[in-house]
C-alpha atoms as a PDB file:
ATOM      1  CA  MET A   1      -6.651 -17.363  14.643  1.00  0.00           C
ATOM      2  CA  PRO A   2      -7.360 -21.011  14.504  1.00  0.00           C
ATOM      3  CA  SER A   3      -6.690 -22.748  17.979  1.00  0.00           C
ATOM      4  CA  GLU A   4      -8.177 -21.875  21.492  1.00  0.00           C
ATOM      5  CA  ALA A   5     -10.057 -18.805  21.894  1.00  0.00           C
ATOM      6  CA  ASN A   6      -7.709 -16.053  21.744  1.00  0.00           C
ATOM      7  CA  ILE A   7      -6.979 -12.582  20.082  1.00  0.00           C
ATOM      8  CA  SER A   8      -4.174 -11.246  18.802  1.00  0.00           C
ATOM      9  CA  MET A   9      -2.988  -7.421  18.082  1.00  0.00           C
ATOM     10  CA  LEU A  10       0.030  -7.002  15.577  1.00  0.00           C
ATOM     11  CA  GLN A  11       1.383  -2.864  16.006  1.00  0.00           C
ATOM     12  CA  MET A  12       3.497  -1.573  13.135  1.00  0.00           C
ATOM     13  CA  HIS A  13       5.586   1.533  14.874  1.00  0.00           C
ATOM     14  CA  PRO A  14       7.221   3.484  11.895  1.00  0.00           C
ATOM     15  CA  ASP A  15      11.185   4.003  13.019  1.00  0.00           C
ATOM     16  CA  GLY A  16      12.165   6.671  10.046  1.00  0.00           C
ATOM     17  CA  LEU A  17      11.264   6.511   6.723  1.00  0.00           C
ATOM     18  CA  SER A  18      12.299   3.072   6.145  1.00  0.00           C
ATOM     19  CA  GLN A  19      12.105   1.193   9.496  1.00  0.00           C
ATOM     20  CA  CYS A  20       9.372  -0.593  10.946  1.00  0.00           C
ATOM     21  CA  HIS A  21       8.992  -2.391  14.639  1.00  0.00           C
ATOM     22  CA  GLU A  22       6.231  -4.487  15.264  1.00  0.00           C
ATOM     23  CA  THR A  23       5.213  -6.370  18.158  1.00  0.00           C
ATOM     24  CA  LEU A  24       2.348  -9.084  18.700  1.00  0.00           C
ATOM     25  CA  ASP A  25       0.445  -9.712  21.721  1.00  0.00           C
ATOM     26  CA  TRP A  26      -1.018 -12.882  22.026  1.00  0.00           C
ATOM     27  CA  TYR A  27      -4.108 -13.460  24.705  1.00  0.00           C
ATOM     28  CA  GLY A  28      -5.732 -16.499  25.249  1.00  0.00           C
ATOM     29  CA  LEU A  29      -7.525 -18.639  28.228  1.00  0.00           C
ATOM     30  CA  GLY A  30      -5.277 -19.509  31.119  1.00  0.00           C
ATOM     31  CA  SER A  31      -1.863 -18.706  31.708  1.00  0.00           C
ATOM     32  CA  GLN A  32      -0.030 -21.460  29.534  1.00  0.00           C
ATOM     33  CA  LEU A  33      -0.548 -21.708  25.728  1.00  0.00           C
ATOM     34  CA  ASN A  34      -1.871 -24.921  24.514  1.00  0.00           C
ATOM     35  CA  ARG A  35       0.002 -26.698  21.504  1.00  0.00           C
ATOM     36  CA  ALA A  36      -2.375 -25.077  18.531  1.00  0.00           C
ATOM     37  CA  SER A  37      -1.661 -21.743  19.967  1.00  0.00           C
ATOM     38  CA  LYS A  38       2.088 -22.361  19.948  1.00  0.00           C
ATOM     39  CA  GLU A  39       1.827 -23.725  16.352  1.00  0.00           C
ATOM     40  CA  ALA A  40      -0.344 -20.865  14.915  1.00  0.00           C
ATOM     41  CA  ILE A  41       2.259 -18.045  16.518  1.00  0.00           C
ATOM     42  CA  THR A  42       5.524 -20.382  14.905  1.00  0.00           C
ATOM     43  CA  TYR A  43       3.957 -19.859  11.831  1.00  0.00           C
ATOM     44  CA  LEU A  44       2.795 -16.153  12.174  1.00  0.00           C
ATOM     45  CA  ASP A  45       6.619 -15.839  13.204  1.00  0.00           C
ATOM     46  CA  GLU A  46       8.211 -18.174  10.633  1.00  0.00           C
ATOM     47  CA  VAL A  47       5.879 -17.934   7.441  1.00  0.00           C
ATOM     48  CA  LEU A  48       3.200 -15.224   7.243  1.00  0.00           C
ATOM     49  CA  GLN A  49       5.753 -12.287   8.929  1.00  0.00           C
ATOM     50  CA  PRO A  50       8.442 -12.918   6.471  1.00  0.00           C
ATOM     51  CA  GLU A  51       6.330 -12.932   3.873  1.00  0.00           C
ATOM     52  CA  ASP A  52       4.735  -9.718   4.446  1.00  0.00           C
ATOM     53  CA  ILE A  53       8.013  -8.216   5.316  1.00  0.00           C
ATOM     54  CA  GLY A  54       9.291  -9.102   1.983  1.00  0.00           C
ATOM     55  CA  LEU A  55       5.951  -7.783   0.092  1.00  0.00           C
ATOM     56  CA  CYS A  56       5.939  -4.406   1.915  1.00  0.00           C
ATOM     57  CA  GLU A  57       9.945  -4.157   1.212  1.00  0.00           C
ATOM     58  CA  SER A  58       9.112  -4.751  -2.302  1.00  0.00           C
ATOM     59  CA  VAL A  59       6.307  -2.085  -2.023  1.00  0.00           C
ATOM     60  CA  GLN A  60       8.565   0.565  -0.606  1.00  0.00           C
ATOM     61  CA  LYS A  61      10.943   0.033  -3.053  1.00  0.00           C
ATOM     62  CA  GLY A  62       8.483   0.620  -6.096  1.00  0.00           C
ATOM     63  CA  LEU A  63       7.268   3.374  -4.350  1.00  0.00           C
ATOM     64  CA  ASN A  64      10.398   5.152  -4.042  1.00  0.00           C
ATOM     65  CA  SER A  65      10.935   4.321  -7.619  1.00  0.00           C
ATOM     66  CA  LEU A  66      11.059   7.229 -10.034  1.00  0.00           C
ATOM     67  CA  SER A  67       8.477   5.620 -12.366  1.00  0.00           C
ATOM     68  CA  TYR A  68       5.913   5.498  -9.891  1.00  0.00           C
ATOM     69  CA  HIS A  69       3.205   7.703 -10.086  1.00  0.00           C
ATOM     70  CA  GLN A  70      -0.018   5.892  -9.346  1.00  0.00           C
ATOM     71  CA  GLY A  71      -1.112   7.231  -5.823  1.00  0.00           C
ATOM     72  CA  ARG A  72      -1.628   4.834  -2.674  1.00  0.00           C
ATOM     73  CA  PHE A  73      -4.490   2.721  -4.904  1.00  0.00           C
ATOM     74  CA  VAL A  74      -4.675   1.231  -7.844  1.00  0.00           C
ATOM     75  CA  VAL A  75      -8.186   2.800  -9.303  1.00  0.00           C
ATOM     76  CA  ASP A  76      -8.779   2.166 -13.076  1.00  0.00           C
ATOM     77  CA  ASN A  77     -11.358   3.426 -14.730  1.00  0.00           C
ATOM     78  CA  GLN A  78     -12.594   0.382 -15.768  1.00  0.00           C
ATOM     79  CA  ARG A  79     -12.671  -0.653 -12.379  1.00  0.00           C
ATOM     80  CA  SER A  80     -11.339  -3.976 -13.286  1.00  0.00           C
ATOM     81  CA  HIS A  81     -10.642  -6.949 -10.390  1.00  0.00           C
ATOM     82  CA  LEU A  82      -7.225  -5.018  -9.938  1.00  0.00           C
ATOM     83  CA  SER A  83      -9.130  -1.875  -9.000  1.00  0.00           C
ATOM     84  CA  GLU A  84      -9.002  -1.027  -5.013  1.00  0.00           C
ATOM     85  CA  HIS A  85     -12.479   1.137  -5.149  1.00  0.00           C
ATOM     86  CA  GLY A  86     -13.808  -0.523  -2.155  1.00  0.00           C
ATOM     87  CA  VAL A  87     -10.810   0.161   0.171  1.00  0.00           C
ATOM     88  CA  HIS A  88     -10.360   3.802  -0.976  1.00  0.00           C
ATOM     89  CA  HIS A  89     -13.905   4.754  -0.456  1.00  0.00           C
ATOM     90  CA  PHE A  90     -13.462   2.845   2.882  1.00  0.00           C
ATOM     91  CA  GLN A  91     -10.599   4.927   3.915  1.00  0.00           C
ATOM     92  CA  LYS A  92     -12.383   8.332   2.504  1.00  0.00           C
ATOM     93  CA  LEU A  93     -15.370   7.520   4.534  1.00  0.00           C
ATOM     94  CA  VAL A  94     -13.045   7.279   7.769  1.00  0.00           C
ATOM     95  CA  ILE A  95     -11.450  10.552   7.031  1.00  0.00           C
ATOM     96  CA  ALA A  96     -14.568  12.342   6.659  1.00  0.00           C
ATOM     97  CA  ALA A  97     -15.654  10.964   9.886  1.00  0.00           C
ATOM     98  CA  LEU A  98     -12.874  11.489  12.007  1.00  0.00           C
ATOM     99  CA  SER A  99     -12.856  15.425  10.597  1.00  0.00           C
END
């Protein structure tokens, strides 16, 4: 994130089939946040998170619809700009490495 040197960790904890609890830990230098860090956290809280929540909620609605049949990824045979071949391949590598 922009501002002072920092690292932030967003954790998502599923709470059932349709609920999720999130926590954000923000670590910076010193004991007080500077103005830029406060602004970055406010932006995360007031702009990015509501956008992400809306997107995730609409994806969940779609996954639960009767017409959904694609799978977790959009992987089309034409490998169009919409295809998620790279993400699909990476996750298969992770699964293989953990097996």
